[in-house]
Amino acid sequence: MITAIVLIKTSVDRIPEIAESIASLDSVSEVFSVTGTYDLIAMVRVRQHEDLAEVIPGRISKIPGVEATDTHVAFRTYSQHDLEAAFAIGLDS
């Protein structure tokens, strides 16, 4: 699974509606409303790199009110769940 973090600038007066539209897309797992340079951050998960083109410029960028996107593809994922499982290997509960 390929994960992309998409930073999104939007029309400020429509952030909730735009976030809901993005969150309703099949390959989008979460959308965060954030402070800073960008208004939203979307987590996109797809099976192949080619699918990113379909989702990000093909769907997210075409939602009315989306002004710009900046995409970062994850090389590796680290999570608290993964770390706990790694440290628990070989330990009896």
N, C-alpha and C. Protein backbone atom coordinates (compact mmCIF):
# COMPACT_ATOMS: atom_id res chain seq x y z
N MET A 1 0.85 -1.17 0.00
CA MET A 1 0.00 0.00 0.00
C MET A 1 0.89 1.24 0.00
N ILE A 2 0.59 2.19 -0.84
CA ILE A 2 1.33 3.44 -0.95
C ILE A 2 0.55 4.53 -0.24
N THR A 3 1.24 5.27 0.62
CA THR A 3 0.59 6.35 1.36
C THR A 3 1.15 7.68 0.89
N ALA A 4 0.24 8.61 0.59
CA ALA A 4 0.63 9.97 0.24
C ALA A 4 -0.01 10.93 1.23
N ILE A 5 0.77 11.91 1.65
CA ILE A 5 0.27 12.97 2.50
C ILE A 5 0.07 14.17 1.59
N VAL A 6 -1.17 14.65 1.51
CA VAL A 6 -1.49 15.73 0.58
C VAL A 6 -1.82 16.99 1.37
N LEU A 7 -1.00 18.01 1.22
CA LEU A 7 -1.23 19.31 1.86
C LEU A 7 -2.08 20.13 0.90
N ILE A 8 -3.17 20.70 1.41
CA ILE A 8 -4.16 21.32 0.53
C ILE A 8 -4.48 22.74 0.97
N LYS A 9 -4.41 23.69 0.02
CA LYS A 9 -4.87 25.05 0.24
C LYS A 9 -6.27 25.15 -0.35
N THR A 10 -7.16 25.79 0.39
CA THR A 10 -8.56 25.88 -0.04
C THR A 10 -9.09 27.30 0.10
N SER A 11 -10.31 27.49 -0.39
CA SER A 11 -11.05 28.70 -0.09
C SER A 11 -11.38 28.63 1.40
N VAL A 12 -10.93 29.61 2.16
CA VAL A 12 -11.05 29.56 3.61
C VAL A 12 -12.51 29.49 4.08
N ASP A 13 -13.40 30.11 3.35
CA ASP A 13 -14.80 30.13 3.77
C ASP A 13 -15.53 28.81 3.51
N ARG A 14 -14.85 27.84 2.88
CA ARG A 14 -15.51 26.57 2.55
C ARG A 14 -14.75 25.35 3.07
N ILE A 15 -13.87 25.54 4.04
CA ILE A 15 -13.03 24.44 4.53
C ILE A 15 -13.84 23.21 4.94
N PRO A 16 -14.89 23.34 5.76
CA PRO A 16 -15.62 22.13 6.17
C PRO A 16 -16.25 21.36 5.01
N GLU A 17 -16.84 22.08 4.06
CA GLU A 17 -17.46 21.42 2.91
C GLU A 17 -16.43 20.74 2.01
N ILE A 18 -15.31 21.40 1.81
CA ILE A 18 -14.25 20.83 0.98
C ILE A 18 -13.66 19.60 1.67
N ALA A 19 -13.45 19.70 2.98
CA ALA A 19 -12.91 18.55 3.73
C ALA A 19 -13.85 17.35 3.63
N GLU A 20 -15.13 17.57 3.74
CA GLU A 20 -16.10 16.48 3.62
C GLU A 20 -16.09 15.86 2.23
N SER A 21 -15.97 16.70 1.21
CA SER A 21 -15.91 16.19 -0.16
C SER A 21 -14.66 15.33 -0.38
N ILE A 22 -13.54 15.79 0.15
CA ILE A 22 -12.29 15.03 0.01
C ILE A 22 -12.39 13.73 0.80
N ALA A 23 -12.91 13.79 2.02
CA ALA A 23 -13.01 12.60 2.87
C ALA A 23 -13.92 11.54 2.27
N SER A 24 -14.84 11.93 1.42
CA SER A 24 -15.76 10.97 0.82
C SER A 24 -15.15 10.18 -0.35
N LEU A 25 -13.96 10.58 -0.80
CA LEU A 25 -13.29 9.87 -1.91
C LEU A 25 -12.77 8.52 -1.42
N ASP A 26 -12.87 7.51 -2.27
CA ASP A 26 -12.51 6.13 -1.91
C ASP A 26 -11.11 5.95 -1.34
N SER A 27 -10.11 6.55 -1.91
CA SER A 27 -8.73 6.30 -1.48
C SER A 27 -8.25 7.22 -0.36
N VAL A 28 -9.12 8.09 0.10
CA VAL A 28 -8.77 9.02 1.18
C VAL A 28 -9.18 8.41 2.51
N SER A 29 -8.20 8.20 3.41
CA SER A 29 -8.52 7.58 4.70
C SER A 29 -8.83 8.60 5.79
N GLU A 30 -8.18 9.77 5.76
CA GLU A 30 -8.45 10.82 6.73
C GLU A 30 -8.22 12.17 6.09
N VAL A 31 -8.92 13.16 6.64
CA VAL A 31 -8.68 14.55 6.27
C VAL A 31 -8.62 15.35 7.57
N PHE A 32 -7.56 16.15 7.72
CA PHE A 32 -7.36 16.95 8.92
C PHE A 32 -7.45 18.43 8.57
N SER A 33 -8.19 19.19 9.35
CA SER A 33 -8.20 20.63 9.24
C SER A 33 -7.07 21.12 10.15
N VAL A 34 -6.15 21.93 9.60
CA VAL A 34 -4.94 22.29 10.34
C VAL A 34 -4.68 23.80 10.29
N THR A 35 -3.78 24.25 11.17
CA THR A 35 -3.33 25.63 11.13
C THR A 35 -2.05 25.70 10.30
N GLY A 36 -1.68 26.88 9.90
CA GLY A 36 -0.43 27.04 9.16
C GLY A 36 -0.66 27.42 7.71
N THR A 37 0.32 27.12 6.90
CA THR A 37 0.31 27.49 5.48
C THR A 37 -0.82 26.80 4.71
N TYR A 38 -1.13 25.56 5.10
CA TYR A 38 -2.17 24.79 4.41
C TYR A 38 -3.42 24.72 5.28
N ASP A 39 -4.56 24.47 4.65
CA ASP A 39 -5.83 24.41 5.36
C ASP A 39 -6.22 22.98 5.74
N LEU A 40 -5.87 22.03 4.87
CA LEU A 40 -6.24 20.63 5.08
C LEU A 40 -5.05 19.73 4.79
N ILE A 41 -5.04 18.58 5.44
CA ILE A 41 -4.08 17.52 5.12
C ILE A 41 -4.89 16.26 4.91
N ALA A 42 -4.69 15.61 3.76
CA ALA A 42 -5.40 14.37 3.45
C ALA A 42 -4.40 13.22 3.38
N MET A 43 -4.80 12.09 3.93
CA MET A 43 -4.02 10.87 3.83
C MET A 43 -4.64 10.03 2.72
N VAL A 44 -3.85 9.76 1.69
CA VAL A 44 -4.33 9.00 0.54
C VAL A 44 -3.57 7.68 0.51
N ARG A 45 -4.32 6.59 0.40
CA ARG A 45 -3.71 5.26 0.35
C ARG A 45 -4.18 4.53 -0.90
N VAL A 46 -3.21 4.14 -1.73
CA VAL A 46 -3.52 3.46 -3.00
C VAL A 46 -2.60 2.25 -3.17
N ARG A 47 -2.92 1.38 -4.11
CA ARG A 47 -2.14 0.17 -4.36
C ARG A 47 -0.93 0.43 -5.26
N GLN A 48 -1.07 1.35 -6.22
CA GLN A 48 0.01 1.60 -7.19
C GLN A 48 0.25 3.10 -7.32
N HIS A 49 1.50 3.46 -7.66
CA HIS A 49 1.84 4.87 -7.81
C HIS A 49 0.95 5.56 -8.86
N GLU A 50 0.61 4.85 -9.91
CA GLU A 50 -0.22 5.42 -10.96
C GLU A 50 -1.58 5.86 -10.43
N ASP A 51 -2.06 5.19 -9.38
CA ASP A 51 -3.36 5.53 -8.80
C ASP A 51 -3.33 6.90 -8.13
N LEU A 52 -2.15 7.36 -7.71
CA LEU A 52 -2.06 8.68 -7.09
C LEU A 52 -2.49 9.77 -8.08
N ALA A 53 -2.14 9.61 -9.34
CA ALA A 53 -2.51 10.59 -10.36
C ALA A 53 -4.02 10.65 -10.53
N GLU A 54 -4.67 9.52 -10.41
CA GLU A 54 -6.13 9.49 -10.54
C GLU A 54 -6.79 10.19 -9.35
N VAL A 55 -6.25 9.97 -8.16
CA VAL A 55 -6.88 10.50 -6.95
C VAL A 55 -6.55 11.97 -6.71
N ILE A 56 -5.27 12.34 -6.79
CA ILE A 56 -4.89 13.69 -6.36
C ILE A 56 -5.20 14.73 -7.45
N PRO A 57 -4.51 14.74 -8.59
CA PRO A 57 -4.91 15.74 -9.58
C PRO A 57 -6.24 15.41 -10.26
N GLY A 58 -6.57 14.12 -10.31
CA GLY A 58 -7.79 13.71 -11.00
C GLY A 58 -9.08 13.94 -10.24
N ARG A 59 -9.02 13.90 -8.89
CA ARG A 59 -10.24 14.09 -8.10
C ARG A 59 -10.11 15.21 -7.06
N ILE A 60 -9.09 15.13 -6.21
CA ILE A 60 -8.97 16.14 -5.14
C ILE A 60 -8.83 17.54 -5.73
N SER A 61 -7.93 17.72 -6.67
CA SER A 61 -7.69 19.06 -7.23
C SER A 61 -8.88 19.61 -7.99
N LYS A 62 -9.80 18.76 -8.40
CA LYS A 62 -10.97 19.21 -9.16
C LYS A 62 -12.16 19.56 -8.28
N ILE A 63 -12.05 19.36 -6.98
CA ILE A 63 -13.13 19.73 -6.07
C ILE A 63 -13.19 21.26 -6.00
N PRO A 64 -14.36 21.84 -6.22
CA PRO A 64 -14.48 23.30 -6.16
C PRO A 64 -14.00 23.84 -4.81
N GLY A 65 -13.12 24.83 -4.88
CA GLY A 65 -12.57 25.44 -3.66
C GLY A 65 -11.17 24.98 -3.34
N VAL A 66 -10.71 23.88 -3.96
CA VAL A 66 -9.32 23.45 -3.77
C VAL A 66 -8.46 24.34 -4.66
N GLU A 67 -7.54 25.06 -4.03
CA GLU A 67 -6.71 26.02 -4.77
C GLU A 67 -5.34 25.47 -5.15
N ALA A 68 -4.76 24.60 -4.29
CA ALA A 68 -3.44 24.05 -4.57
C ALA A 68 -3.21 22.82 -3.70
N THR A 69 -2.35 21.91 -4.19
CA THR A 69 -1.97 20.74 -3.41
C THR A 69 -0.46 20.59 -3.44
N ASP A 70 0.07 19.96 -2.41
CA ASP A 70 1.50 19.64 -2.31
C ASP A 70 1.56 18.21 -1.77
N THR A 71 2.04 17.28 -2.58
CA THR A 71 1.97 15.86 -2.23
C THR A 71 3.32 15.32 -1.80
N HIS A 72 3.30 14.54 -0.72
CA HIS A 72 4.50 13.87 -0.20
C HIS A 72 4.20 12.38 -0.11
N VAL A 73 5.01 11.57 -0.77
CA VAL A 73 4.82 10.12 -0.75
C VAL A 73 5.68 9.53 0.36
N ALA A 74 5.08 8.69 1.18
CA ALA A 74 5.79 8.08 2.31
C ALA A 74 6.65 6.92 1.82
N PHE A 75 7.90 6.86 2.29
CA PHE A 75 8.78 5.73 1.99
C PHE A 75 8.50 4.57 2.93
N ARG A 76 8.29 4.91 4.19
CA ARG A 76 8.09 3.90 5.23
C ARG A 76 7.16 4.50 6.28
N THR A 77 6.38 3.64 6.92
CA THR A 77 5.46 4.09 7.95
C THR A 77 5.91 3.57 9.31
N TYR A 78 5.93 4.45 10.28
CA TYR A 78 6.23 4.09 11.66
C TYR A 78 5.03 4.49 12.50
N SER A 79 4.59 3.61 13.37
CA SER A 79 3.47 3.96 14.24
C SER A 79 3.71 3.37 15.63
N GLN A 80 2.99 3.89 16.60
CA GLN A 80 3.11 3.38 17.96
C GLN A 80 2.75 1.90 18.00
N HIS A 81 1.74 1.51 17.25
CA HIS A 81 1.31 0.11 17.18
C HIS A 81 2.46 -0.78 16.69
N ASP A 82 3.15 -0.34 15.64
CA ASP A 82 4.27 -1.10 15.09
C ASP A 82 5.40 -1.23 16.11
N LEU A 83 5.70 -0.14 16.81
CA LEU A 83 6.78 -0.16 17.80
C LEU A 83 6.45 -1.10 18.95
N GLU A 84 5.21 -1.07 19.43
CA GLU A 84 4.81 -1.95 20.53
C GLU A 84 4.92 -3.41 20.12
N ALA A 85 4.52 -3.73 18.90
CA ALA A 85 4.59 -5.12 18.41
C ALA A 85 6.04 -5.56 18.29
N ALA A 86 6.92 -4.69 17.84
CA ALA A 86 8.33 -5.05 17.68
C ALA A 86 8.98 -5.33 19.04
N PHE A 87 8.67 -4.52 20.04
CA PHE A 87 9.28 -4.72 21.36
C PHE A 87 8.67 -5.90 22.10
N ALA A 88 7.48 -6.34 21.69
CA ALA A 88 6.81 -7.45 22.37
C ALA A 88 7.23 -8.82 21.81
N ILE A 89 7.99 -8.85 20.73
CA ILE A 89 8.41 -10.11 20.14
C ILE A 89 9.22 -10.91 21.15
N GLY A 90 8.80 -12.13 21.39
CA GLY A 90 9.52 -13.02 22.29
C GLY A 90 9.17 -12.85 23.76
N LEU A 91 8.32 -11.89 24.08
CA LEU A 91 7.94 -11.71 25.48
C LEU A 91 6.64 -12.44 25.77
N ASP A 92 6.56 -13.04 26.93
CA ASP A 92 5.33 -13.70 27.34
C ASP A 92 4.46 -12.68 28.05
N SER A 93 3.16 -12.76 27.77
CA SER A 93 2.22 -11.82 28.41
C SER A 93 1.83 -12.33 29.78
